[in-house]
Amino acid sequence: MSRPAPTFTNLSLSREGNIFIITLQRGSENRLNTTLCNEVIRAFHYIQRTLGPNSEGAVITRGNNAKFWCTGVDQDERDDNPFANSDGFFPMIHTILDFPFPTVALLTGHTFGGACPFALSHDYRIMNSERGFISMPPVNLGMHFQGMGTLLSLKLSPKIARKMLLQAHKWTGKEALADGVVDDIASPEAMLDAALKVAREWAPKAKAGVYGVLRHELYGEATRAFALISHVHSRETNRRALVKL
């Protein structure tokens, strides 16, 4: 019996065979608040249960327009909830890093701030070749959370991780491909097909049941770092931005 798909407010979920496509739909910029992050978590959990153990499958996370993929964490939410990141953003990153199937971030447009670790938590990244930048500017904004650089240092070369975290470099798609920040670029009309090609190529790698275990061998330090700051209300785990974009 197939599982009924959950209902969502800030995203939609579609399926092409064993490839699931999550489309972010929180306005045009898809700013990450607790509600959106927890819907992403629910979507990943539903997909995992639906595919079942030792099966082929993959997930694509895409934006809903060609201008933005995601413009990072919604800083205004912290005015009312200082633990918003611990309740949403950090657990979401942990969920994706811990997911037992290949994942593809389809960066349809601008990818800013917390959207960078969101993208890097996926196994593969495909970026719009014609428009959009990827940039992580906490050094300019006064932002910090524990373990902020861990995922970057594991996924990127030291020089490129420095450019992202300490220099707030802004990459175009072509520049991001040259520096290894993304795996491929494609025109807006070809992006989804490019992501599906990657997802279908690597979906069979989950069949033996150790894909997530082996990913943990590569990036377990980052997985643990995000686990340590998830659902924490007894202490501050992140420093608020001095400047809001």
C-alpha atoms as a PDB file:
ATOM      1  CA  MET A   1       0.000   0.000   0.000  1.00  0.00           C
ATOM      2  CA  SER A   2       1.423   3.384  -0.996  1.00  0.00           C
ATOM      3  CA  ARG A   3       1.772   5.982   1.719  1.00  0.00           C
ATOM      4  CA  PRO A   4      -0.402   9.077   1.413  1.00  0.00           C
ATOM      5  CA  ALA A   5       1.782  12.108   0.757  1.00  0.00           C
ATOM      6  CA  PRO A   6       1.751  14.706   3.525  1.00  0.00           C
ATOM      7  CA  THR A   7       0.409  18.166   2.829  1.00  0.00           C
ATOM      8  CA  PHE A   8       2.738  21.156   2.819  1.00  0.00           C
ATOM      9  CA  THR A   9       2.369  24.926   2.869  1.00  0.00           C
ATOM     10  CA  ASN A  10       5.842  26.073   1.834  1.00  0.00           C
ATOM     11  CA  LEU A  11       6.918  23.386  -0.618  1.00  0.00           C
ATOM     12  CA  SER A  12       5.547  20.872  -3.081  1.00  0.00           C
ATOM     13  CA  LEU A  13       6.594  17.263  -3.588  1.00  0.00           C
ATOM     14  CA  SER A  14       6.513  15.410  -6.893  1.00  0.00           C
ATOM     15  CA  ARG A  15       7.907  12.136  -8.123  1.00  0.00           C
ATOM     16  CA  GLU A  16       9.415  10.727 -11.306  1.00  0.00           C
ATOM     17  CA  GLY A  17       9.863   7.016 -10.695  1.00  0.00           C
ATOM     18  CA  ASN A  18      12.218   6.672  -7.735  1.00  0.00           C
ATOM     19  CA  ILE A  19      13.346  10.308  -7.966  1.00  0.00           C
ATOM     20  CA  PHE A  20      11.532  12.738  -5.661  1.00  0.00           C
ATOM     21  CA  ILE A  21      11.544  16.478  -6.367  1.00  0.00           C
ATOM     22  CA  ILE A  22      11.093  18.978  -3.528  1.00  0.00           C
ATOM     23  CA  THR A  23      10.197  22.451  -4.821  1.00  0.00           C
ATOM     24  CA  LEU A  24      10.630  25.238  -2.265  1.00  0.00           C
ATOM     25  CA  GLN A  25       7.646  27.597  -2.318  1.00  0.00           C
ATOM     26  CA  ARG A  26       7.972  30.135   0.490  1.00  0.00           C
ATOM     27  CA  GLY A  27       7.488  33.259  -1.587  1.00  0.00           C
ATOM     28  CA  SER A  28      10.017  33.927  -4.319  1.00  0.00           C
ATOM     29  CA  GLU A  29      13.141  33.960  -2.124  1.00  0.00           C
ATOM     30  CA  ASN A  30      12.415  30.827  -0.039  1.00  0.00           C
ATOM     31  CA  ARG A  31      13.830  32.276   3.164  1.00  0.00           C
ATOM     32  CA  LEU A  32      14.345  29.523   5.703  1.00  0.00           C
ATOM     33  CA  ASN A  33      12.089  29.842   8.730  1.00  0.00           C
ATOM     34  CA  THR A  34      11.207  27.112  11.213  1.00  0.00           C
ATOM     35  CA  THR A  35       8.059  26.128   9.338  1.00  0.00           C
ATOM     36  CA  LEU A  36       9.779  25.690   5.972  1.00  0.00           C
ATOM     37  CA  CYS A  37      12.744  23.843   7.484  1.00  0.00           C
ATOM     38  CA  ASN A  38      10.474  21.412   9.313  1.00  0.00           C
ATOM     39  CA  GLU A  39       8.461  20.828   6.161  1.00  0.00           C
ATOM     40  CA  VAL A  40      11.706  19.946   4.361  1.00  0.00           C
ATOM     41  CA  ILE A  41      12.488  17.525   7.192  1.00  0.00           C
ATOM     42  CA  ARG A  42       9.024  15.951   6.911  1.00  0.00           C
ATOM     43  CA  ALA A  43       9.430  15.620   3.157  1.00  0.00           C
ATOM     44  CA  PHE A  44      12.781  13.839   3.515  1.00  0.00           C
ATOM     45  CA  HIS A  45      11.372  11.505   6.177  1.00  0.00           C
ATOM     46  CA  TYR A  46       8.349  10.708   4.004  1.00  0.00           C
ATOM     47  CA  ILE A  47      10.588   9.959   1.021  1.00  0.00           C
ATOM     48  CA  GLN A  48      12.809   7.678   3.108  1.00  0.00           C
ATOM     49  CA  ARG A  49       9.823   5.728   4.423  1.00  0.00           C
ATOM     50  CA  THR A  50       8.265   5.505   0.970  1.00  0.00           C
ATOM     51  CA  LEU A  51      11.396   4.242  -0.761  1.00  0.00           C
ATOM     52  CA  GLY A  52      12.154   1.826   2.055  1.00  0.00           C
ATOM     53  CA  PRO A  53      15.484   0.259   3.005  1.00  0.00           C
ATOM     54  CA  ASN A  54      17.987  -1.059   0.475  1.00  0.00           C
ATOM     55  CA  SER A  55      16.253   0.506  -2.509  1.00  0.00           C
ATOM     56  CA  GLU A  56      17.181   2.841  -5.337  1.00  0.00           C
ATOM     57  CA  GLY A  57      16.196   6.487  -5.072  1.00  0.00           C
ATOM     58  CA  ALA A  58      17.315  10.097  -4.896  1.00  0.00           C
ATOM     59  CA  VAL A  59      16.019  13.566  -4.032  1.00  0.00           C
ATOM     60  CA  ILE A  60      16.262  16.880  -5.884  1.00  0.00           C
ATOM     61  CA  THR A  61      15.681  20.125  -3.958  1.00  0.00           C
ATOM     62  CA  ARG A  62      14.941  23.037  -6.268  1.00  0.00           C
ATOM     63  CA  GLY A  63      13.668  26.614  -6.128  1.00  0.00           C
ATOM     64  CA  ASN A  64      10.376  27.751  -7.611  1.00  0.00           C
ATOM     65  CA  ASN A  65      11.800  30.364  -9.995  1.00  0.00           C
ATOM     66  CA  ALA A  66      14.902  31.183 -12.026  1.00  0.00           C
ATOM     67  CA  LYS A  67      15.846  34.221  -9.930  1.00  0.00           C
ATOM     68  CA  PHE A  68      16.211  32.623  -6.497  1.00  0.00           C
ATOM     69  CA  TRP A  69      16.948  29.232  -5.013  1.00  0.00           C
ATOM     70  CA  CYS A  70      17.070  30.387  -1.401  1.00  0.00           C
ATOM     71  CA  THR A  71      18.230  33.589   0.280  1.00  0.00           C
ATOM     72  CA  GLY A  72      19.168  32.030   3.597  1.00  0.00           C
ATOM     73  CA  VAL A  73      17.748  32.059   7.089  1.00  0.00           C
ATOM     74  CA  ASP A  74      14.834  34.366   7.907  1.00  0.00           C
ATOM     75  CA  GLN A  75      16.525  36.635  10.456  1.00  0.00           C
ATOM     76  CA  ASP A  76      13.276  38.356  11.445  1.00  0.00           C
ATOM     77  CA  GLU A  77      11.970  35.133  13.008  1.00  0.00           C
ATOM     78  CA  ARG A  78      14.602  35.359  15.728  1.00  0.00           C
ATOM     79  CA  ASP A  79      13.031  38.557  17.016  1.00  0.00           C
ATOM     80  CA  ASP A  80      10.329  36.346  18.539  1.00  0.00           C
ATOM     81  CA  ASN A  81      12.171  33.025  18.844  1.00  0.00           C
ATOM     82  CA  PRO A  82      15.887  33.147  19.681  1.00  0.00           C
ATOM     83  CA  PHE A  83      16.044  29.362  19.189  1.00  0.00           C
ATOM     84  CA  ALA A  84      14.551  29.357  15.687  1.00  0.00           C
ATOM     85  CA  ASN A  85      17.707  27.982  14.079  1.00  0.00           C
ATOM     86  CA  SER A  86      17.972  25.210  16.670  1.00  0.00           C
ATOM     87  CA  ASP A  87      14.358  24.258  15.982  1.00  0.00           C
ATOM     88  CA  GLY A  88      14.493  24.384  12.189  1.00  0.00           C
ATOM     89  CA  PHE A  89      17.610  25.225  10.209  1.00  0.00           C
ATOM     90  CA  PHE A  90      20.157  23.090  12.084  1.00  0.00           C
ATOM     91  CA  PRO A  91      17.946  19.949  12.252  1.00  0.00           C
ATOM     92  CA  MET A  92      17.179  20.335   8.537  1.00  0.00           C
ATOM     93  CA  ILE A  93      20.874  20.317   7.611  1.00  0.00           C
ATOM     94  CA  HIS A  94      21.412  17.310   9.884  1.00  0.00           C
ATOM     95  CA  THR A  95      18.494  15.459   8.266  1.00  0.00           C
ATOM     96  CA  ILE A  96      19.889  15.920   4.762  1.00  0.00           C
ATOM     97  CA  LEU A  97      23.412  14.908   5.782  1.00  0.00           C
ATOM     98  CA  ASP A  98      21.972  11.797   7.458  1.00  0.00           C
ATOM     99  CA  PHE A  99      19.691  10.839   4.545  1.00  0.00           C
ATOM    100  CA  PRO A 100      20.419   7.349   3.110  1.00  0.00           C
ATOM    101  CA  PHE A 101      19.871   8.285  -0.561  1.00  0.00           C
ATOM    102  CA  PRO A 102      21.740  10.582  -2.988  1.00  0.00           C
ATOM    103  CA  THR A 103      20.657  14.217  -2.934  1.00  0.00           C
ATOM    104  CA  VAL A 104      20.901  16.976  -5.542  1.00  0.00           C
ATOM    105  CA  ALA A 105      20.516  20.708  -4.890  1.00  0.00           C
ATOM    106  CA  LEU A 106      19.195  22.385  -8.034  1.00  0.00           C
ATOM    107  CA  LEU A 107      20.241  26.004  -7.528  1.00  0.00           C
ATOM    108  CA  THR A 108      17.743  27.710  -9.788  1.00  0.00           C
ATOM    109  CA  GLY A 109      18.945  31.204  -8.857  1.00  0.00           C
ATOM    110  CA  HIS A 110      20.537  33.289  -6.090  1.00  0.00           C
ATOM    111  CA  THR A 111      21.889  31.202  -3.202  1.00  0.00           C
ATOM    112  CA  PHE A 112      22.804  33.407  -0.253  1.00  0.00           C
ATOM    113  CA  GLY A 113      23.808  33.061   3.402  1.00  0.00           C
ATOM    114  CA  GLY A 114      22.476  29.955   5.122  1.00  0.00           C
ATOM    115  CA  ALA A 115      21.457  28.638   1.718  1.00  0.00           C
ATOM    116  CA  CYS A 116      25.145  27.811   1.168  1.00  0.00           C
ATOM    117  CA  PRO A 117      25.360  25.119   3.881  1.00  0.00           C
ATOM    118  CA  PHE A 118      21.849  24.067   2.790  1.00  0.00           C
ATOM    119  CA  ALA A 119      23.204  23.492  -0.724  1.00  0.00           C
ATOM    120  CA  LEU A 120      26.435  21.911   0.526  1.00  0.00           C
ATOM    121  CA  SER A 121      24.495  19.443   2.665  1.00  0.00           C
ATOM    122  CA  HIS A 122      23.375  17.844  -0.607  1.00  0.00           C
ATOM    123  CA  ASP A 123      25.684  15.412  -2.401  1.00  0.00           C
ATOM    124  CA  TYR A 124      25.562  17.239  -5.730  1.00  0.00           C
ATOM    125  CA  ARG A 125      24.876  20.831  -6.782  1.00  0.00           C
ATOM    126  CA  ILE A 126      23.735  22.081 -10.180  1.00  0.00           C
ATOM    127  CA  MET A 127      23.526  25.829 -10.725  1.00  0.00           C
ATOM    128  CA  ASN A 128      21.832  28.159 -13.166  1.00  0.00           C
ATOM    129  CA  SER A 129      24.426  29.037 -15.811  1.00  0.00           C
ATOM    130  CA  GLU A 130      22.804  32.301 -16.872  1.00  0.00           C
ATOM    131  CA  ARG A 131      21.848  34.144 -13.696  1.00  0.00           C
ATOM    132  CA  GLY A 132      22.227  34.035  -9.934  1.00  0.00           C
ATOM    133  CA  PHE A 133      25.105  34.182  -7.474  1.00  0.00           C
ATOM    134  CA  ILE A 134      26.172  31.966  -4.600  1.00  0.00           C
ATOM    135  CA  SER A 135      27.602  33.759  -1.575  1.00  0.00           C
ATOM    136  CA  MET A 136      27.859  33.253   2.181  1.00  0.00           C
ATOM    137  CA  PRO A 137      28.448  36.652   3.894  1.00  0.00           C
ATOM    138  CA  PRO A 138      28.429  36.037   7.687  1.00  0.00           C
ATOM    139  CA  VAL A 139      31.796  37.789   7.981  1.00  0.00           C
ATOM    140  CA  ASN A 140      30.109  40.957   6.701  1.00  0.00           C
ATOM    141  CA  LEU A 141      26.991  40.572   8.830  1.00  0.00           C
ATOM    142  CA  GLY A 142      28.424  39.526  12.210  1.00  0.00           C
ATOM    143  CA  MET A 143      26.731  36.111  12.107  1.00  0.00           C
ATOM    144  CA  HIS A 144      28.055  32.853  13.530  1.00  0.00           C
ATOM    145  CA  PHE A 145      26.896  29.439  14.660  1.00  0.00           C
ATOM    146  CA  GLN A 146      28.915  26.643  16.222  1.00  0.00           C
ATOM    147  CA  GLY A 147      30.489  24.501  13.518  1.00  0.00           C
ATOM    148  CA  MET A 148      29.724  27.008  10.755  1.00  0.00           C
ATOM    149  CA  GLY A 149      32.893  26.199   8.838  1.00  0.00           C
ATOM    150  CA  THR A 150      32.878  22.425   9.329  1.00  0.00           C
ATOM    151  CA  LEU A 151      30.740  21.478   6.343  1.00  0.00           C
ATOM    152  CA  LEU A 152      32.546  23.971   4.106  1.00  0.00           C
ATOM    153  CA  SER A 153      35.953  22.612   5.069  1.00  0.00           C
ATOM    154  CA  LEU A 154      34.829  19.052   4.302  1.00  0.00           C
ATOM    155  CA  LYS A 155      33.146  19.796   0.974  1.00  0.00           C
ATOM    156  CA  LEU A 156      35.455  22.461  -0.472  1.00  0.00           C
ATOM    157  CA  SER A 157      39.201  22.881  -0.860  1.00  0.00           C
ATOM    158  CA  PRO A 158      40.850  25.014   1.858  1.00  0.00           C
ATOM    159  CA  LYS A 159      41.340  27.978  -0.477  1.00  0.00           C
ATOM    160  CA  ILE A 160      37.732  27.906  -1.700  1.00  0.00           C
ATOM    161  CA  ALA A 161      36.337  27.425   1.814  1.00  0.00           C
ATOM    162  CA  ARG A 162      38.313  30.505   2.844  1.00  0.00           C
ATOM    163  CA  LYS A 163      36.862  32.468  -0.068  1.00  0.00           C
ATOM    164  CA  MET A 164      33.361  31.499   0.998  1.00  0.00           C
ATOM    165  CA  LEU A 165      33.550  31.963   4.770  1.00  0.00           C
ATOM    166  CA  LEU A 166      36.219  34.605   5.368  1.00  0.00           C
ATOM    167  CA  GLN A 167      35.959  36.642   2.175  1.00  0.00           C
ATOM    168  CA  ALA A 168      32.208  36.355   1.430  1.00  0.00           C
ATOM    169  CA  HIS A 169      33.076  35.791  -2.208  1.00  0.00           C
ATOM    170  CA  LYS A 170      30.203  35.969  -4.694  1.00  0.00           C
ATOM    171  CA  TRP A 171      30.358  33.337  -7.454  1.00  0.00           C
ATOM    172  CA  THR A 172      28.506  33.203 -10.749  1.00  0.00           C
ATOM    173  CA  GLY A 173      27.554  29.751 -11.973  1.00  0.00           C
ATOM    174  CA  LYS A 174      30.580  29.472 -14.246  1.00  0.00           C
ATOM    175  CA  GLU A 175      32.926  30.631 -11.474  1.00  0.00           C
ATOM    176  CA  ALA A 176      31.353  28.246  -8.963  1.00  0.00           C
ATOM    177  CA  LEU A 177      31.867  25.357 -11.374  1.00  0.00           C
ATOM    178  CA  ALA A 178      35.520  26.301 -11.918  1.00  0.00           C
ATOM    179  CA  ASP A 179      36.129  26.450  -8.143  1.00  0.00           C
ATOM    180  CA  GLY A 180      34.320  23.181  -7.407  1.00  0.00           C
ATOM    181  CA  VAL A 181      31.504  24.788  -5.423  1.00  0.00           C
ATOM    182  CA  VAL A 182      28.977  23.178  -7.783  1.00  0.00           C
ATOM    183  CA  ASP A 183      29.212  20.034  -9.886  1.00  0.00           C
ATOM    184  CA  ASP A 184      27.564  21.321 -13.037  1.00  0.00           C
ATOM    185  CA  ILE A 185      25.758  24.292 -14.542  1.00  0.00           C
ATOM    186  CA  ALA A 186      22.853  24.384 -16.965  1.00  0.00           C
ATOM    187  CA  SER A 187      20.584  26.906 -18.649  1.00  0.00           C
ATOM    188  CA  PRO A 188      17.249  27.564 -16.921  1.00  0.00           C
ATOM    189  CA  GLU A 189      15.315  25.451 -19.410  1.00  0.00           C
ATOM    190  CA  ALA A 190      17.758  22.539 -19.059  1.00  0.00           C
ATOM    191  CA  MET A 191      18.381  22.640 -15.299  1.00  0.00           C
ATOM    192  CA  LEU A 192      15.759  20.118 -14.223  1.00  0.00           C
ATOM    193  CA  ASP A 193      16.819  17.626 -16.885  1.00  0.00           C
ATOM    194  CA  ALA A 194      20.436  18.018 -15.736  1.00  0.00           C
ATOM    195  CA  ALA A 195      19.437  17.370 -12.116  1.00  0.00           C
ATOM    196  CA  LEU A 196      17.322  14.357 -13.084  1.00  0.00           C
ATOM    197  CA  LYS A 197      20.245  12.928 -15.049  1.00  0.00           C
ATOM    198  CA  VAL A 198      22.512  13.150 -11.982  1.00  0.00           C
ATOM    199  CA  ALA A 199      19.812  11.778  -9.667  1.00  0.00           C
ATOM    200  CA  ARG A 200      19.095   8.816 -11.951  1.00  0.00           C
ATOM    201  CA  GLU A 201      22.784   8.076 -12.399  1.00  0.00           C
ATOM    202  CA  TRP A 202      23.464   7.793  -8.682  1.00  0.00           C
ATOM    203  CA  ALA A 203      20.101   6.588  -7.317  1.00  0.00           C
ATOM    204  CA  PRO A 204      21.156   2.910  -7.713  1.00  0.00           C
ATOM    205  CA  LYS A 205      24.065   3.482  -5.316  1.00  0.00           C
ATOM    206  CA  ALA A 206      21.609   3.430  -2.393  1.00  0.00           C
ATOM    207  CA  LYS A 207      20.429  -0.101  -3.157  1.00  0.00           C
ATOM    208  CA  ALA A 208      23.124  -1.845  -1.121  1.00  0.00           C
ATOM    209  CA  GLY A 209      21.992   0.002   1.997  1.00  0.00           C
ATOM    210  CA  VAL A 210      25.269   1.688   2.935  1.00  0.00           C
ATOM    211  CA  TYR A 211      25.118   4.965   1.000  1.00  0.00           C
ATOM    212  CA  GLY A 212      24.340   7.047   4.091  1.00  0.00           C
ATOM    213  CA  VAL A 213      26.838   5.110   6.193  1.00  0.00           C
ATOM    214  CA  LEU A 214      29.608   5.790   3.700  1.00  0.00           C
ATOM    215  CA  ARG A 215      28.646   9.459   3.404  1.00  0.00           C
ATOM    216  CA  HIS A 216      29.016   9.650   7.174  1.00  0.00           C
ATOM    217  CA  GLU A 217      32.577   8.369   6.782  1.00  0.00           C
ATOM    218  CA  LEU A 218      33.299  11.408   4.605  1.00  0.00           C
ATOM    219  CA  TYR A 219      31.254  14.113   6.345  1.00  0.00           C
ATOM    220  CA  GLY A 220      30.428  12.719   9.777  1.00  0.00           C
ATOM    221  CA  GLU A 221      32.168  15.601  11.508  1.00  0.00           C
ATOM    222  CA  ALA A 222      29.647  18.001   9.991  1.00  0.00           C
ATOM    223  CA  THR A 223      26.724  15.702  10.783  1.00  0.00           C
ATOM    224  CA  ARG A 224      27.791  15.606  14.432  1.00  0.00           C
ATOM    225  CA  ALA A 225      28.336  19.367  14.532  1.00  0.00           C
ATOM    226  CA  PHE A 226      24.770  20.064  13.414  1.00  0.00           C
ATOM    227  CA  ALA A 227      23.361  17.414  15.747  1.00  0.00           C
ATOM    228  CA  LEU A 228      25.013  19.159  18.711  1.00  0.00           C
ATOM    229  CA  ILE A 229      23.234  22.454  18.014  1.00  0.00           C
ATOM    230  CA  SER A 230      19.830  21.049  17.043  1.00  0.00           C
ATOM    231  CA  HIS A 231      16.880  21.405  19.460  1.00  0.00           C
ATOM    232  CA  VAL A 232      19.024  23.220  22.022  1.00  0.00           C
ATOM    233  CA  HIS A 233      17.193  25.727  24.256  1.00  0.00           C
ATOM    234  CA  SER A 234      19.553  25.824  27.237  1.00  0.00           C
ATOM    235  CA  ARG A 235      22.229  27.983  25.624  1.00  0.00           C
ATOM    236  CA  GLU A 236      22.883  30.189  22.625  1.00  0.00           C
ATOM    237  CA  THR A 237      24.291  28.206  19.734  1.00  0.00           C
ATOM    238  CA  ASN A 238      24.454  31.047  17.248  1.00  0.00           C
ATOM    239  CA  ARG A 239      25.232  34.719  17.159  1.00  0.00           C
ATOM    240  CA  ARG A 240      22.623  37.033  15.690  1.00  0.00           C
ATOM    241  CA  ALA A 241      23.476  39.129  12.677  1.00  0.00           C
ATOM    242  CA  LEU A 242      24.479  42.724  13.372  1.00  0.00           C
ATOM    243  CA  VAL A 243      23.245  43.604   9.887  1.00  0.00           C
ATOM    244  CA  LYS A 244      20.180  42.177   8.121  1.00  0.00           C
ATOM    245  CA  LEU A 245      19.996  41.784   4.363  1.00  0.00           C
END
